Amino acid sequence: MTYLWIKSLHLLFVMAWVASIFYLPRILVNIAEAGAEPATKARLELMGLRLYKFGHSMFGMALLFGLTLWQGWRLFPGTLPNFGEAGWLHAKLSLVVLLLVYYIWTGRLVKRSAKGGALPSARTLRLLNELPVFVLLGVIFLVIAKPF
């Protein structure tokens, strides 16, 4: 039962982090479109910075519970796949690293904007906003199907 609680908590924090990954770029689009409205832009930048901080906490908790699951073979025999036969897990972790890099990049864009720096165009940000959906789809498929 403990294993299932740890797995559930891991999934909860992953979902919270992914929500940050999806919403932070949307805030960036709104900042880029705020134009000459300094109060709106400042409020959006504050929201973005707070969301970025929240996402860091959620990623940290997801990582903690994920590492607990990974080390679970010591606590919960039979729950860890043979790493020699778990190519799907390596691929999933690679995609998670890609999501983390994307998340850090969007956070740096918010910080840059808060310091008065320029952002890419709203159109570019809208296009980049869609990328994590496809990466997350790959993660979900790998976890469910375990194709290799």
Protein backbone atom coordinates (compact mmCIF):
# COMPACT_ATOMS: atom_id res chain seq x y z
CA MET A 1 0.00 0.00 0.00
CA THR A 2 2.89 2.39 0.73
CA TYR A 3 4.18 1.90 -2.79
CA LEU A 4 0.80 2.95 -4.22
CA TRP A 5 0.72 6.07 -2.03
CA ILE A 6 4.20 7.06 -3.17
CA LYS A 7 3.25 6.48 -6.79
CA SER A 8 0.05 8.52 -6.34
CA LEU A 9 1.96 11.42 -4.76
CA HIS A 10 4.51 11.29 -7.57
CA LEU A 11 1.73 11.53 -10.13
CA LEU A 12 0.03 14.39 -8.26
CA PHE A 13 3.19 16.50 -8.20
CA VAL A 14 3.98 15.68 -11.82
CA MET A 15 0.52 16.92 -12.78
CA ALA A 16 1.03 20.14 -10.82
CA TRP A 17 4.42 20.70 -12.48
CA VAL A 18 2.97 20.02 -15.93
CA ALA A 19 0.22 22.56 -15.23
CA SER A 20 3.01 25.09 -14.67
CA ILE A 21 4.70 24.02 -17.90
CA PHE A 22 1.46 24.64 -19.80
CA TYR A 23 0.46 27.93 -18.15
CA LEU A 24 3.81 29.75 -17.96
CA PRO A 25 4.13 30.11 -21.77
CA ARG A 26 0.54 31.37 -21.86
CA ILE A 27 1.51 34.10 -19.40
CA LEU A 28 4.44 34.94 -21.68
CA VAL A 29 2.06 35.36 -24.63
CA ASN A 30 -0.06 37.73 -22.54
CA ILE A 31 3.03 39.71 -21.48
CA ALA A 32 4.09 40.03 -25.12
CA GLU A 33 0.60 41.23 -26.05
CA ALA A 34 0.32 43.66 -23.10
CA GLY A 35 2.22 46.23 -25.14
CA ALA A 36 2.12 49.69 -23.60
CA GLU A 37 0.11 48.71 -20.53
CA PRO A 38 2.79 48.70 -17.79
CA ALA A 39 0.41 47.80 -14.94
CA THR A 40 -0.93 44.77 -16.80
CA LYS A 41 2.54 43.71 -17.85
CA ALA A 42 3.87 44.04 -14.28
CA ARG A 43 0.98 42.00 -12.88
CA LEU A 44 1.53 39.26 -15.48
CA GLU A 45 5.27 39.20 -14.79
CA LEU A 46 4.58 38.82 -11.07
CA MET A 47 2.15 35.98 -11.80
CA GLY A 48 4.75 34.35 -14.04
CA LEU A 49 7.49 34.59 -11.43
CA ARG A 50 5.23 33.13 -8.74
CA LEU A 51 4.12 30.32 -11.04
CA TYR A 52 7.73 29.57 -11.93
CA LYS A 53 8.61 29.31 -8.23
CA PHE A 54 5.56 27.09 -7.62
CA GLY A 55 6.58 24.85 -10.52
CA HIS A 56 10.05 24.45 -9.06
CA SER A 57 8.53 23.20 -5.81
CA MET A 58 6.24 20.80 -7.64
CA PHE A 59 9.11 19.47 -9.76
CA GLY A 60 11.19 18.97 -6.61
CA MET A 61 8.44 16.96 -4.95
CA ALA A 62 7.82 14.93 -8.13
CA LEU A 63 11.55 14.22 -8.34
CA LEU A 64 11.69 13.19 -4.68
CA PHE A 65 8.83 10.73 -5.04
CA GLY A 66 10.15 9.56 -8.42
CA LEU A 67 13.52 8.78 -6.88
CA THR A 68 11.74 6.97 -4.08
CA LEU A 69 9.94 4.85 -6.69
CA TRP A 70 13.21 4.24 -8.50
CA GLN A 71 14.89 3.13 -5.27
CA GLY A 72 11.72 1.23 -4.40
CA TRP A 73 13.23 -2.10 -5.33
CA ARG A 74 14.92 -1.98 -1.92
CA LEU A 75 11.64 -1.31 -0.12
CA PHE A 76 9.14 -2.92 -2.49
CA PRO A 77 10.60 -6.01 -4.19
CA GLY A 78 9.24 -6.71 -7.66
CA THR A 79 8.18 -3.13 -8.41
CA LEU A 80 11.20 -2.00 -10.42
CA PRO A 81 11.67 -3.13 -14.01
CA ASN A 82 14.98 -4.60 -15.10
CA PHE A 83 16.87 -1.54 -16.37
CA GLY A 84 18.46 -3.58 -19.12
CA GLU A 85 14.95 -4.24 -20.46
CA ALA A 86 13.46 -0.82 -19.68
CA GLY A 87 14.39 1.25 -22.71
CA TRP A 88 11.01 2.97 -22.40
CA LEU A 89 12.09 4.33 -19.00
CA HIS A 90 15.27 5.84 -20.42
CA ALA A 91 13.28 7.40 -23.26
CA LYS A 92 10.70 8.75 -20.80
CA LEU A 93 13.38 10.28 -18.59
CA SER A 94 14.95 11.89 -21.67
CA LEU A 95 11.62 13.51 -22.53
CA VAL A 96 11.21 14.66 -18.92
CA VAL A 97 14.63 16.32 -19.13
CA LEU A 98 13.47 18.01 -22.34
CA LEU A 99 10.37 19.31 -20.51
CA LEU A 100 12.58 20.55 -17.67
CA VAL A 101 14.83 22.44 -20.10
CA TYR A 102 11.75 23.99 -21.73
CA TYR A 103 10.37 24.96 -18.32
CA ILE A 104 13.64 26.61 -17.26
CA TRP A 105 13.82 28.46 -20.60
CA THR A 106 10.29 29.86 -20.20
CA GLY A 107 11.09 30.86 -16.61
CA ARG A 108 14.16 32.73 -17.81
CA LEU A 109 12.03 34.54 -20.38
CA VAL A 110 9.70 35.72 -17.61
CA LYS A 111 12.69 36.89 -15.56
CA ARG A 112 14.12 38.66 -18.61
CA SER A 113 10.83 40.44 -19.22
CA ALA A 114 10.60 41.49 -15.56
CA LYS A 115 14.04 43.09 -15.92
CA GLY A 116 12.91 45.01 -19.00
CA GLY A 117 14.29 42.64 -21.62
CA ALA A 118 12.64 41.78 -24.90
CA LEU A 119 10.57 38.67 -25.55
CA PRO A 120 10.04 36.77 -28.79
CA SER A 121 6.92 37.78 -30.69
CA ALA A 122 3.52 36.70 -29.41
CA ARG A 123 3.14 34.50 -32.48
CA THR A 124 6.42 32.71 -31.80
CA LEU A 125 5.46 32.24 -28.16
CA ARG A 126 2.08 30.81 -29.20
CA LEU A 127 3.79 28.25 -31.43
CA LEU A 128 6.28 27.32 -28.72
CA ASN A 129 3.38 27.01 -26.29
CA GLU A 130 2.23 23.86 -28.11
CA LEU A 131 5.52 21.93 -27.90
CA PRO A 132 5.16 20.51 -24.38
CA VAL A 133 1.81 18.94 -25.28
CA PHE A 134 3.50 16.66 -27.79
CA VAL A 135 6.41 15.86 -25.50
CA LEU A 136 4.00 15.02 -22.68
CA LEU A 137 2.05 12.78 -25.05
CA GLY A 138 5.29 10.89 -25.68
CA VAL A 139 5.89 10.52 -21.94
CA ILE A 140 2.36 9.24 -21.34
CA PHE A 141 2.59 6.77 -24.23
CA LEU A 142 5.92 5.43 -23.00
CA VAL A 143 4.64 4.96 -19.45
CA ILE A 144 1.42 3.22 -20.53
CA ALA A 145 2.63 1.13 -23.48
CA LYS A 146 6.24 0.41 -22.42
CA PRO A 147 6.97 -0.32 -26.10
CA PHE A 148 10.62 -1.30 -25.62
